[in-house]
Protein backbone atom coordinates (compact mmCIF):
# COMPACT_ATOMS: atom_id res chain seq x y z
CA UNK A 1 -98.09 -50.25 19.87
CA UNK A 2 -97.77 -47.79 22.74
CA UNK A 3 -94.76 -49.72 24.01
CA UNK A 4 -93.10 -49.39 20.59
CA UNK A 5 -93.76 -45.65 20.47
CA UNK A 6 -92.36 -45.25 23.98
CA UNK A 7 -89.29 -47.26 22.98
CA UNK A 8 -88.73 -45.04 19.94
CA UNK A 9 -89.23 -41.90 22.01
CA UNK A 10 -86.70 -43.18 24.55
CA UNK A 11 -84.21 -43.91 21.78
CA UNK A 12 -84.64 -40.41 20.31
CA UNK A 13 -84.24 -38.89 23.76
CA UNK A 14 -81.07 -40.87 24.38
CA UNK A 15 -79.78 -39.93 20.92
CA UNK A 16 -80.33 -36.23 21.63
CA UNK A 17 -78.61 -36.52 25.00
CA UNK A 18 -75.57 -38.19 23.44
CA UNK A 19 -75.51 -35.62 20.62
CA UNK A 20 -75.65 -32.70 23.05
CA UNK A 21 -72.94 -34.29 25.16
CA UNK A 22 -70.76 -34.71 22.07
CA UNK A 23 -71.35 -31.09 20.98
CA UNK A 24 -70.50 -29.89 24.48
CA UNK A 25 -67.33 -31.95 24.41
CA UNK A 26 -66.39 -30.47 21.00
CA UNK A 27 -67.06 -26.97 22.28
CA UNK A 28 -64.77 -27.60 25.20
CA UNK A 29 -62.11 -28.92 22.85
CA UNK A 30 -62.43 -25.85 20.63
CA UNK A 31 -62.17 -23.47 23.53
CA UNK A 32 -59.32 -25.37 25.19
CA UNK A 33 -61.20 -25.43 28.48
CA UNK A 34 -60.85 -29.08 29.37
CA UNK A 35 -58.27 -30.18 31.94
CA UNK A 36 -56.16 -31.86 29.27
CA UNK A 37 -56.02 -28.75 27.11
CA UNK A 38 -53.22 -26.22 27.16
CA UNK A 39 -54.60 -23.02 28.66
CA UNK A 40 -51.59 -20.86 27.74
CA UNK A 41 -52.47 -18.70 24.74
CA UNK A 42 -49.20 -17.66 23.14
CA UNK A 43 -48.70 -15.50 21.27
CA UNK A 44 -51.50 -13.34 19.88
CA UNK A 45 -52.03 -14.87 16.43
CA UNK A 46 -51.44 -13.01 13.20
CA UNK A 47 -54.58 -13.82 11.26
CA UNK A 48 -54.14 -13.05 7.55
CA UNK A 49 -57.77 -13.87 6.92
CA UNK A 50 -58.93 -10.75 8.75
CA UNK A 51 -59.16 -7.19 7.43
CA UNK A 52 -59.11 -8.14 3.77
CA UNK A 53 -60.71 -6.38 0.83
CA UNK A 54 -64.05 -8.16 1.19
CA UNK A 55 -66.85 -5.53 1.07
CA UNK A 56 -68.75 -5.17 4.31
CA UNK A 57 -70.54 -2.66 6.48
CA UNK A 58 -67.09 -1.50 7.62
CA UNK A 59 -65.90 -0.73 4.09
CA UNK A 60 -64.96 2.78 5.17
CA UNK A 61 -62.16 1.35 7.29
CA UNK A 62 -58.69 1.34 5.79
CA UNK A 63 -57.51 -2.00 4.48
CA UNK A 64 -54.23 -3.33 5.82
CA UNK A 65 -52.09 -3.16 2.66
CA UNK A 66 -49.80 -5.96 3.85
CA UNK A 67 -52.74 -8.39 3.59
CA UNK A 68 -53.21 -7.58 -0.09
CA UNK A 69 -51.15 -7.92 -3.24
CA UNK A 70 -51.00 -7.27 -6.96
CA UNK A 71 -51.13 -10.69 -8.71
CA UNK A 72 -48.66 -10.61 -11.58
CA UNK A 73 -47.72 -14.23 -12.29
CA UNK A 74 -49.41 -16.46 -14.81
CA UNK A 75 -51.69 -19.28 -13.70
CA UNK A 76 -49.68 -22.51 -13.49
CA UNK A 77 -51.60 -25.57 -14.76
CA UNK A 78 -52.23 -28.26 -12.18
CA UNK A 79 -51.03 -28.14 -8.58
CA UNK A 80 -47.98 -25.98 -7.97
CA UNK A 81 -45.48 -26.92 -5.21
CA UNK A 82 -44.84 -23.98 -2.93
CA UNK A 83 -42.00 -23.68 -0.44
CA UNK A 84 -41.75 -21.12 2.35
CA UNK A 85 -38.79 -19.42 0.70
CA UNK A 86 -40.66 -19.15 -2.61
CA UNK A 87 -43.75 -17.76 -0.88
CA UNK A 88 -41.72 -15.04 0.86
CA UNK A 89 -39.91 -14.16 -2.37
CA UNK A 90 -43.25 -13.80 -4.19
CA UNK A 91 -44.59 -11.60 -1.41
CA UNK A 92 -41.55 -9.33 -1.57
CA UNK A 93 -42.35 -8.71 -5.24
CA UNK A 94 -46.14 -8.48 -5.22
CA UNK A 95 -47.29 -7.50 -1.72
CA UNK A 96 -49.33 -4.31 -1.74
CA UNK A 97 -47.76 -2.94 1.44
CA UNK A 98 -44.27 -3.17 -0.02
CA UNK A 99 -45.39 -1.68 -3.35
CA UNK A 100 -46.90 1.27 -1.49
CA UNK A 101 -43.64 1.70 0.42
CA UNK A 102 -41.64 1.71 -2.83
CA UNK A 103 -43.83 4.44 -4.30
CA UNK A 104 -43.56 6.54 -1.15
CA UNK A 105 -39.78 6.25 -1.43
CA UNK A 106 -39.98 7.39 -5.07
CA UNK A 107 -41.99 10.43 -3.95
CA UNK A 108 -39.39 11.30 -1.31
CA UNK A 109 -36.65 11.08 -3.95
CA UNK A 110 -38.65 13.45 -6.16
CA UNK A 111 -39.04 15.87 -3.25
CA UNK A 112 -35.27 15.88 -2.68
CA UNK A 113 -34.60 16.53 -6.37
CA UNK A 114 -37.05 19.44 -6.31
CA UNK A 115 -35.36 20.91 -3.21
CA UNK A 116 -31.94 20.51 -4.84
CA UNK A 117 -33.07 22.23 -8.03
CA UNK A 118 -33.36 25.56 -6.20
CA UNK A 119 -29.57 25.86 -5.87
CA UNK A 120 -28.77 24.54 -9.34
CA UNK A 121 -28.33 26.96 -12.28
CA UNK A 122 -31.54 27.76 -14.15
CA UNK A 123 -30.79 28.16 -17.88
CA UNK A 124 -33.48 29.28 -20.34
CA UNK A 125 -33.28 29.77 -24.11
CA UNK A 126 -35.89 32.11 -25.56
CA UNK A 127 -36.66 33.43 -29.00
CA UNK A 128 -39.34 36.06 -29.80
CA UNK A 129 -40.68 38.00 -32.73
CA UNK A 130 -42.72 41.16 -32.15
CA UNK A 131 -44.68 43.58 -34.31
CA UNK A 132 -45.70 46.97 -32.89
CA UNK A 133 -46.17 50.71 -33.51
CA UNK A 134 -45.28 53.63 -31.19
CA UNK A 135 -47.43 56.68 -30.34
CA UNK A 136 -45.00 59.50 -29.70
CA UNK A 137 -47.38 62.21 -28.37
CA UNK A 138 -46.84 61.29 -24.76
CA UNK A 139 -43.17 62.23 -25.12
CA UNK A 140 -43.85 65.71 -26.49
CA UNK A 141 -42.11 64.78 -29.71
CA UNK A 142 -44.38 66.77 -32.12
CA UNK A 143 -42.54 69.95 -31.08
CA UNK A 144 -39.30 68.35 -32.18
CA UNK A 145 -40.61 67.45 -35.58
CA UNK A 146 -40.86 63.76 -34.79
CA UNK A 147 -43.73 61.93 -36.49
CA UNK A 148 -46.95 61.59 -34.56
CA UNK A 149 -46.93 57.82 -34.88
CA UNK A 150 -44.08 55.53 -35.76
CA UNK A 151 -45.65 53.07 -38.13
CA UNK A 152 -45.63 49.34 -37.44
CA UNK A 153 -42.32 47.62 -37.34
CA UNK A 154 -41.11 44.23 -36.23
CA UNK A 155 -38.00 42.87 -34.54
CA UNK A 156 -36.71 39.48 -33.46
CA UNK A 157 -34.72 38.38 -30.43
CA UNK A 158 -32.80 35.26 -29.37
CA UNK A 159 -31.49 35.18 -25.80
CA UNK A 160 -30.04 32.85 -23.23
CA UNK A 161 -30.98 33.63 -19.61
CA UNK A 162 -29.14 32.37 -16.55
CA UNK A 163 -30.28 32.51 -12.93
CA UNK A 164 -28.01 31.27 -10.15
CA UNK A 165 -28.54 31.51 -6.38
CA UNK A 166 -25.15 32.25 -4.89
CA UNK A 167 -26.20 32.31 -1.23
CA UNK A 168 -29.49 30.87 0.07
CA UNK A 169 -29.15 29.29 3.52
CA UNK A 170 -32.87 28.52 3.67
CA UNK A 171 -32.65 26.38 0.52
CA UNK A 172 -29.52 24.65 1.84
CA UNK A 173 -31.31 23.48 4.97
CA UNK A 174 -34.34 22.47 2.88
CA UNK A 175 -32.09 20.17 0.86
CA UNK A 176 -30.71 18.59 4.03
CA UNK A 177 -34.24 18.08 5.36
CA UNK A 178 -35.31 16.47 2.09
CA UNK A 179 -32.25 14.19 2.21
CA UNK A 180 -33.21 13.04 5.73
CA UNK A 181 -36.78 12.40 4.58
CA UNK A 182 -35.42 10.29 1.74
CA UNK A 183 -33.31 8.31 4.24
CA UNK A 184 -36.43 7.82 6.38
CA UNK A 185 -38.46 6.53 3.45
CA UNK A 186 -35.65 4.16 2.49
CA UNK A 187 -35.56 2.79 6.05
CA UNK A 188 -39.35 2.48 6.01
CA UNK A 189 -39.12 0.50 2.79
CA UNK A 190 -36.61 -1.87 4.43
CA UNK A 191 -38.93 -2.16 7.44
CA UNK A 192 -41.80 -2.97 5.08
CA UNK A 193 -39.82 -5.93 3.79
CA UNK A 194 -39.64 -7.32 7.33
CA UNK A 195 -43.40 -6.88 7.72
CA UNK A 196 -43.97 -8.68 4.42
CA UNK A 197 -41.80 -11.57 5.61
CA UNK A 198 -43.82 -11.72 8.84
CA UNK A 199 -47.14 -11.67 6.97
CA UNK A 200 -46.13 -14.23 4.33
CA UNK A 201 -44.34 -16.63 6.70
CA UNK A 202 -47.09 -16.55 9.35
CA UNK A 203 -49.74 -17.15 6.68
CA UNK A 204 -47.70 -20.04 5.26
CA UNK A 205 -47.38 -21.56 8.74
CA UNK A 206 -51.11 -21.13 9.27
CA UNK A 207 -51.80 -23.09 6.08
CA UNK A 208 -49.33 -25.76 7.21
CA UNK A 209 -51.10 -26.00 10.57
CA UNK A 210 -54.50 -26.25 8.89
CA UNK A 211 -53.15 -28.91 6.57
CA UNK A 212 -51.88 -30.93 9.53
CA UNK A 213 -55.24 -30.53 11.29
CA UNK A 214 -57.03 -31.85 8.21
CA UNK A 215 -54.78 -34.92 8.03
CA UNK A 216 -55.31 -35.53 11.75
CA UNK A 217 -59.07 -35.09 11.39
CA UNK A 218 -59.15 -37.63 8.55
CA UNK A 219 -57.22 -40.14 10.67
CA UNK A 220 -59.61 -39.59 13.57
CA UNK A 221 -62.58 -40.01 11.26
CA UNK A 222 -61.15 -43.31 10.02
CA UNK A 223 -60.77 -44.49 13.63
CA UNK A 224 -64.31 -43.38 14.48
CA UNK A 225 -65.64 -45.18 11.38
CA UNK A 226 -63.89 -48.37 12.43
CA UNK A 227 -65.29 -48.08 15.94
CA UNK A 228 -68.79 -47.47 14.58
CA UNK A 229 -68.56 -50.52 12.31
CA UNK A 230 -67.29 -52.66 15.19
CA UNK A 231 -70.07 -51.65 17.55
CA UNK A 232 -72.75 -52.01 14.88
CA UNK A 233 -71.55 -55.56 14.38
CA UNK A 234 -71.51 -56.22 18.14
CA UNK A 235 -75.04 -54.84 18.52
CA UNK A 236 -76.28 -56.99 15.64
CA UNK A 237 -74.86 -60.03 17.48
CA UNK A 238 -76.36 -58.78 20.75
CA UNK A 239 -72.91 -58.45 22.35
CA UNK A 240 -73.37 -54.76 23.19
CA UNK A 241 -76.41 -52.59 23.98
CA UNK A 242 -77.94 -50.44 21.28
CA UNK A 243 -76.86 -47.26 23.07
CA UNK A 244 -73.22 -48.13 22.29
CA UNK A 245 -73.97 -48.09 18.58
CA UNK A 246 -75.69 -44.72 18.94
CA UNK A 247 -72.69 -43.26 20.79
CA UNK A 248 -70.32 -44.56 18.14
CA UNK A 249 -72.52 -43.15 15.38
CA UNK A 250 -72.57 -39.69 16.98
CA UNK A 251 -68.80 -39.83 17.50
CA UNK A 252 -68.31 -40.78 13.84
CA UNK A 253 -70.57 -37.94 12.60
CA UNK A 254 -68.74 -35.50 14.86
CA UNK A 255 -65.41 -36.68 13.43
CA UNK A 256 -66.84 -36.27 9.91
CA UNK A 257 -67.90 -32.73 10.79
CA UNK A 258 -64.41 -31.95 12.02
CA UNK A 259 -63.01 -33.13 8.68
CA UNK A 260 -65.41 -30.82 6.82
CA UNK A 261 -64.55 -27.87 9.02
CA UNK A 262 -60.80 -28.54 8.76
CA UNK A 263 -61.04 -28.75 4.95
CA UNK A 264 -62.98 -25.48 4.81
CA UNK A 265 -60.51 -23.69 7.07
CA UNK A 266 -57.61 -25.00 5.00
CA UNK A 267 -59.09 -23.64 1.76
CA UNK A 268 -59.76 -20.24 3.35
CA UNK A 269 -56.22 -20.08 4.73
CA UNK A 270 -54.86 -20.93 1.29
CA UNK A 271 -56.90 -18.12 -0.26
CA UNK A 272 -55.55 -15.71 2.34
CA UNK A 273 -52.00 -16.81 1.51
CA UNK A 274 -52.54 -16.18 -2.21
CA UNK A 275 -53.74 -12.66 -1.37
CA UNK A 276 -50.56 -11.91 0.57
CA UNK A 277 -47.96 -13.35 -1.80
CA UNK A 278 -49.60 -12.36 -5.09
CA UNK A 279 -50.59 -15.73 -6.53
CA UNK A 280 -53.63 -15.84 -8.83
CA UNK A 281 -56.66 -16.55 -6.67
CA UNK A 282 -57.49 -19.63 -8.77
CA UNK A 283 -54.02 -21.15 -8.39
CA UNK A 284 -53.93 -24.59 -6.79
CA UNK A 285 -50.81 -25.33 -4.75
CA UNK A 286 -49.44 -27.68 -2.13
CA UNK A 287 -46.96 -26.78 0.59
CA UNK A 288 -43.55 -28.43 0.49
CA UNK A 289 -42.48 -27.31 4.00
CA UNK A 290 -44.34 -28.82 6.94
CA UNK A 291 -45.14 -27.39 10.34
CA UNK A 292 -42.33 -28.72 12.52
CA UNK A 293 -40.94 -27.85 15.91
CA UNK A 294 -37.43 -26.46 16.23
CA UNK A 295 -36.03 -24.90 19.36
CA UNK A 296 -35.08 -21.25 18.98
CA UNK A 297 -31.41 -20.21 19.05
CA UNK A 298 -30.25 -19.17 22.49
CA UNK A 299 -29.95 -15.39 22.82
CA UNK A 300 -29.60 -13.13 25.84
CA UNK A 301 -31.81 -10.11 26.39
CA UNK A 302 -28.97 -7.50 26.24
CA UNK A 303 -27.76 -8.98 22.98
CA UNK A 304 -31.25 -8.87 21.46
CA UNK A 305 -31.84 -5.31 22.65
CA UNK A 306 -28.55 -4.21 21.08
CA UNK A 307 -29.48 -5.99 17.87
CA UNK A 308 -32.85 -4.24 17.79
CA UNK A 309 -31.18 -0.86 18.31
CA UNK A 310 -28.81 -1.47 15.41
CA UNK A 311 -31.06 -3.37 12.97
CA UNK A 312 -34.62 -2.14 13.37
CA UNK A 313 -35.47 -0.08 10.31
CA UNK A 314 -38.45 1.68 11.85
CA UNK A 315 -36.07 3.05 14.50
CA UNK A 316 -33.76 4.32 11.76
CA UNK A 317 -36.71 5.88 9.95
CA UNK A 318 -37.86 7.66 13.12
CA UNK A 319 -34.35 8.99 13.70
CA UNK A 320 -34.11 10.23 10.10
CA UNK A 321 -37.46 12.00 10.42
CA UNK A 322 -36.22 13.67 13.60
CA UNK A 323 -33.14 14.90 11.75
CA UNK A 324 -35.32 16.16 8.92
CA UNK A 325 -37.47 18.12 11.38
CA UNK A 326 -34.34 19.65 12.92
CA UNK A 327 -33.13 20.79 9.49
CA UNK A 328 -36.60 22.15 8.72
CA UNK A 329 -36.48 24.39 11.82
CA UNK A 330 -33.09 25.72 10.75
CA UNK A 331 -34.44 26.32 7.25
CA UNK A 332 -37.33 28.41 8.55
CA UNK A 333 -35.03 30.39 10.81
CA UNK A 334 -32.70 31.01 7.86
CA UNK A 335 -35.44 32.96 6.07
CA UNK A 336 -34.29 35.99 8.10
CA UNK A 337 -30.84 35.82 6.46
CA UNK A 338 -29.97 37.68 3.25
CA UNK A 339 -29.94 35.90 -0.11
CA UNK A 340 -27.60 36.60 -3.03
CA UNK A 341 -28.36 35.66 -6.61
CA UNK A 342 -27.02 36.50 -10.06
CA UNK A 343 -29.02 36.92 -13.26
CA UNK A 344 -27.54 37.18 -16.75
CA UNK A 345 -29.11 37.61 -20.16
CA UNK A 346 -27.21 37.53 -23.45
CA UNK A 347 -28.30 37.24 -27.05
CA UNK A 348 -29.11 39.12 -30.25
CA UNK A 349 -31.83 41.53 -31.31
CA UNK A 350 -32.54 42.71 -34.84
CA UNK A 351 -35.06 43.35 -37.57
CA UNK A 352 -34.29 39.87 -38.90
CA UNK A 353 -32.17 37.07 -37.69
CA UNK A 354 -29.75 37.88 -40.49
CA UNK A 355 -29.07 41.39 -39.15
CA UNK A 356 -28.72 41.01 -35.38
CA UNK A 357 -27.30 43.35 -32.79
CA UNK A 358 -25.69 41.69 -29.81
CA UNK A 359 -26.89 42.68 -26.37
CA UNK A 360 -26.42 41.40 -22.84
CA UNK A 361 -27.42 42.14 -19.28
CA UNK A 362 -25.85 41.12 -15.97
CA UNK A 363 -27.56 41.67 -12.61
CA UNK A 364 -26.51 40.92 -9.06
CA UNK A 365 -29.08 41.12 -6.28
CA UNK A 366 -28.96 40.99 -2.49
CA UNK A 367 -32.28 40.55 -0.68
CA UNK A 368 -32.81 41.00 3.06
CA UNK A 369 -36.29 40.68 4.61
CA UNK A 370 -37.14 43.55 6.95
CA UNK A 371 -40.80 43.07 7.77
CA UNK A 372 -42.80 40.02 6.64
CA UNK A 373 -45.90 40.37 8.75
CA UNK A 374 -44.68 37.70 11.21
CA UNK A 375 -44.86 35.09 8.43
CA UNK A 376 -41.37 33.79 9.20
CA UNK A 377 -42.20 33.58 12.90
CA UNK A 378 -45.28 31.48 12.18
CA UNK A 379 -43.24 29.19 9.91
CA UNK A 380 -40.69 28.70 12.70
CA UNK A 381 -43.38 27.90 15.27
CA UNK A 382 -44.97 25.37 12.93
CA UNK A 383 -41.60 23.69 12.23
CA UNK A 384 -40.83 23.53 15.96
CA UNK A 385 -44.17 21.83 16.61
CA UNK A 386 -43.31 19.19 14.02
CA UNK A 387 -39.87 18.79 15.61
CA UNK A 388 -41.40 18.21 19.04
CA UNK A 389 -43.71 15.58 17.56
CA UNK A 390 -40.85 13.83 15.76
CA UNK A 391 -38.75 13.84 18.94
CA UNK A 392 -41.60 12.23 20.88
CA UNK A 393 -42.15 9.66 18.12
CA UNK A 394 -38.46 8.73 18.14
CA UNK A 395 -38.48 8.26 21.92
CA UNK A 396 -41.64 6.16 21.64
CA UNK A 397 -40.12 4.03 18.88
CA UNK A 398 -37.06 3.36 21.05
CA UNK A 399 -39.27 2.29 23.95
CA UNK A 400 -41.46 0.21 21.64
CA UNK A 401 -38.42 -1.63 20.27
CA UNK A 402 -37.39 -2.65 23.79
CA UNK A 403 -41.01 -3.53 24.61
CA UNK A 404 -41.36 -5.70 21.49
CA UNK A 405 -38.17 -7.63 22.27
CA UNK A 406 -39.15 -8.28 25.88
CA UNK A 407 -42.72 -9.34 25.08
CA UNK A 408 -41.48 -11.55 22.21
CA UNK A 409 -39.13 -13.31 24.62
CA UNK A 410 -41.97 -13.82 27.11
CA UNK A 411 -44.20 -15.21 24.36
CA UNK A 412 -41.42 -17.50 23.17
CA UNK A 413 -40.81 -18.85 26.67
CA UNK A 414 -44.53 -19.48 27.13
CA UNK A 415 -44.69 -21.13 23.70
CA UNK A 416 -41.80 -23.45 24.62
CA UNK A 417 -43.66 -24.53 27.73
CA UNK A 418 -46.84 -24.88 25.71
CA UNK A 419 -45.18 -27.30 23.28
CA UNK A 420 -43.70 -29.38 26.12
CA UNK A 421 -47.06 -29.63 27.89
CA UNK A 422 -48.93 -30.45 24.68
CA UNK A 423 -46.50 -33.27 23.83
CA UNK A 424 -46.92 -34.72 27.32
CA UNK A 425 -50.71 -34.38 27.05
CA UNK A 426 -50.65 -36.15 23.70
CA UNK A 427 -48.64 -39.06 25.09
CA UNK A 428 -50.98 -39.27 28.07
CA UNK A 429 -54.06 -39.21 25.82
CA UNK A 430 -52.67 -41.98 23.60
CA UNK A 431 -51.91 -44.12 26.63
CA UNK A 432 -55.41 -43.45 27.94
CA UNK A 433 -56.87 -44.56 24.60
CA UNK A 434 -54.81 -47.74 24.63
CA UNK A 435 -56.02 -48.64 28.12
CA UNK A 436 -59.62 -47.76 27.21
CA UNK A 437 -59.43 -50.14 24.24
CA UNK A 438 -58.03 -52.91 26.47
CA UNK A 439 -60.81 -52.42 29.05
CA UNK A 440 -63.45 -52.37 26.33
CA UNK A 441 -62.15 -55.54 24.69
CA UNK A 442 -62.20 -57.49 27.97
CA UNK A 443 -65.68 -56.13 28.75
CA UNK A 444 -64.92 -54.11 31.89
CA UNK A 445 -66.00 -50.77 30.35
CA UNK A 446 -68.50 -49.50 27.80
CA UNK A 447 -68.21 -47.25 24.76
CA UNK A 448 -68.37 -44.05 26.82
CA UNK A 449 -64.81 -44.49 28.04
CA UNK A 450 -63.62 -45.50 24.59
CA UNK A 451 -65.20 -42.54 22.79
CA UNK A 452 -64.07 -40.09 25.44
CA UNK A 453 -60.53 -41.44 25.12
CA UNK A 454 -60.66 -40.98 21.33
CA UNK A 455 -61.89 -37.41 21.78
CA UNK A 456 -59.10 -36.74 24.27
CA UNK A 457 -56.55 -37.91 21.68
CA UNK A 458 -58.12 -35.63 19.06
CA UNK A 459 -58.07 -32.70 21.47
CA UNK A 460 -54.46 -33.35 22.47
CA UNK A 461 -53.35 -33.56 18.84
CA UNK A 462 -55.13 -30.32 17.98
CA UNK A 463 -53.54 -28.65 20.98
CA UNK A 464 -50.09 -29.89 19.93
CA UNK A 465 -50.56 -28.42 16.43
CA UNK A 466 -51.69 -25.10 17.90
CA UNK A 467 -48.72 -25.06 20.28
CA UNK A 468 -46.19 -25.74 17.53
CA UNK A 469 -47.75 -23.03 15.36
CA UNK A 470 -47.70 -20.60 18.30
CA UNK A 471 -44.03 -21.44 18.91
CA UNK A 472 -43.10 -20.81 15.27
CA UNK A 473 -45.08 -17.58 15.30
CA UNK A 474 -43.37 -16.47 18.52
CA UNK A 475 -39.99 -16.92 16.83
CA UNK A 476 -41.21 -14.86 13.87
CA UNK A 477 -42.31 -12.07 16.19
CA UNK A 478 -38.94 -12.17 17.95
CA UNK A 479 -36.92 -11.65 14.77
CA UNK A 480 -39.44 -9.02 13.71
CA UNK A 481 -38.79 -7.27 17.04
CA UNK A 482 -35.03 -7.34 16.40
CA UNK A 483 -35.43 -6.19 12.78
CA UNK A 484 -33.87 -9.31 11.25
CA UNK A 485 -36.94 -11.14 9.94
CA UNK A 486 -35.81 -11.18 6.31
CA UNK A 487 -32.32 -12.46 7.18
CA UNK A 488 -33.17 -14.99 9.90
CA UNK A 489 -36.60 -16.49 9.17
CA UNK A 490 -35.14 -19.54 7.41
CA UNK A 491 -32.80 -20.32 10.31
CA UNK A 492 -35.32 -19.67 13.06
CA UNK A 493 -38.15 -21.65 11.48
CA UNK A 494 -35.93 -24.62 10.68
CA UNK A 495 -36.67 -24.66 6.95
CA UNK A 496 -34.22 -26.56 4.80
């Protein structure tokens, strides 16, 4: 009896040791710390699952609007096929970041119209009817025999009033500043489209990568199940020790866990994609474009830098804001100049509208500020401070454009190397698994080598998927850096 209990205790101890070893091996695979793993992390991933609208303790933080959307489409019955091009098109219609940018552009247009209205003629039509009496004592009229009080009487008027600013330099510069702000908002809206393309395409690629990981995990689970069945049969025929069956069982359960985790990650990535492109959250869909490797088009650094200078919309927006600030300074300085305006009033006045008397009034006015309590000086100082800030922002945007292009090229070069190494590692792992199977079948090795070889294949495949995704993402970041994401994402990602 004691011997049986000791045997069971030994088996449990061995089982725990194998389980811990398997978990440690999985942790190494997840962290890419094993010798066979690719240690180059390129580039920094764009994770659409982060910073969403989920309530949390950090709810006071501002949500990234480009990770949200306004779902507008109807729920499609069944499973909807979804291509990369269709996903990007949906995002460009429903993404919250782009909608916000459109409304900001509408506000800038309204501001320009308001600034323009100052120099346009102001025409007013007015009609009145009044009833009054006059007390004549204050005029000394009793001595002249005029009645003490003129009894109540009424009269009616109908006039057209015109006001036109003939010369207002301050308003002229305000209009130019508003026009530059409108140009800046229009460039920002175009830049928002590139960001939407980056968000939607990277999220789509993330779903494709998760989908590939799930398929790979299922294949590995099938292999582990076959190995477990084989070893269980060998143990029952006393051809292998019982510890081999335990190792195979732990390996199979670990593979099953990886399938569960991969399926969960895939569903979460799909939900994140629906949030970005504006699909109903309940919509079921399947991707039609797979995660594939395609080498990036050859481009030289000077060519890419020139392209970024000419095509980046955030650079154009910064330049337009600088021009607006320059016009604003001139507008504040122009407050010291005289203004000329004309006012005219013409119409009819009478006891009734049937007995009118025509009257009119024309007025020309010149206004020149002499002393304004240093108000104009303070306005000029404030406008100059804004101008200095806009000038610094424009210089920073120029430097950031060059920085983005250079770092994107470095990430792309590292990603290319990463894919090459991962493919070589995968081939090496498969060859190692083949040799491990041959050694196991002829009886010169045990299940440890076989299971470790299977785990190495799983790790190499996962690393290859991550490398291909990183390479595709690096290409996305490169065309984002050059400002051509919307035009070039199909060509760069190799989508048909």
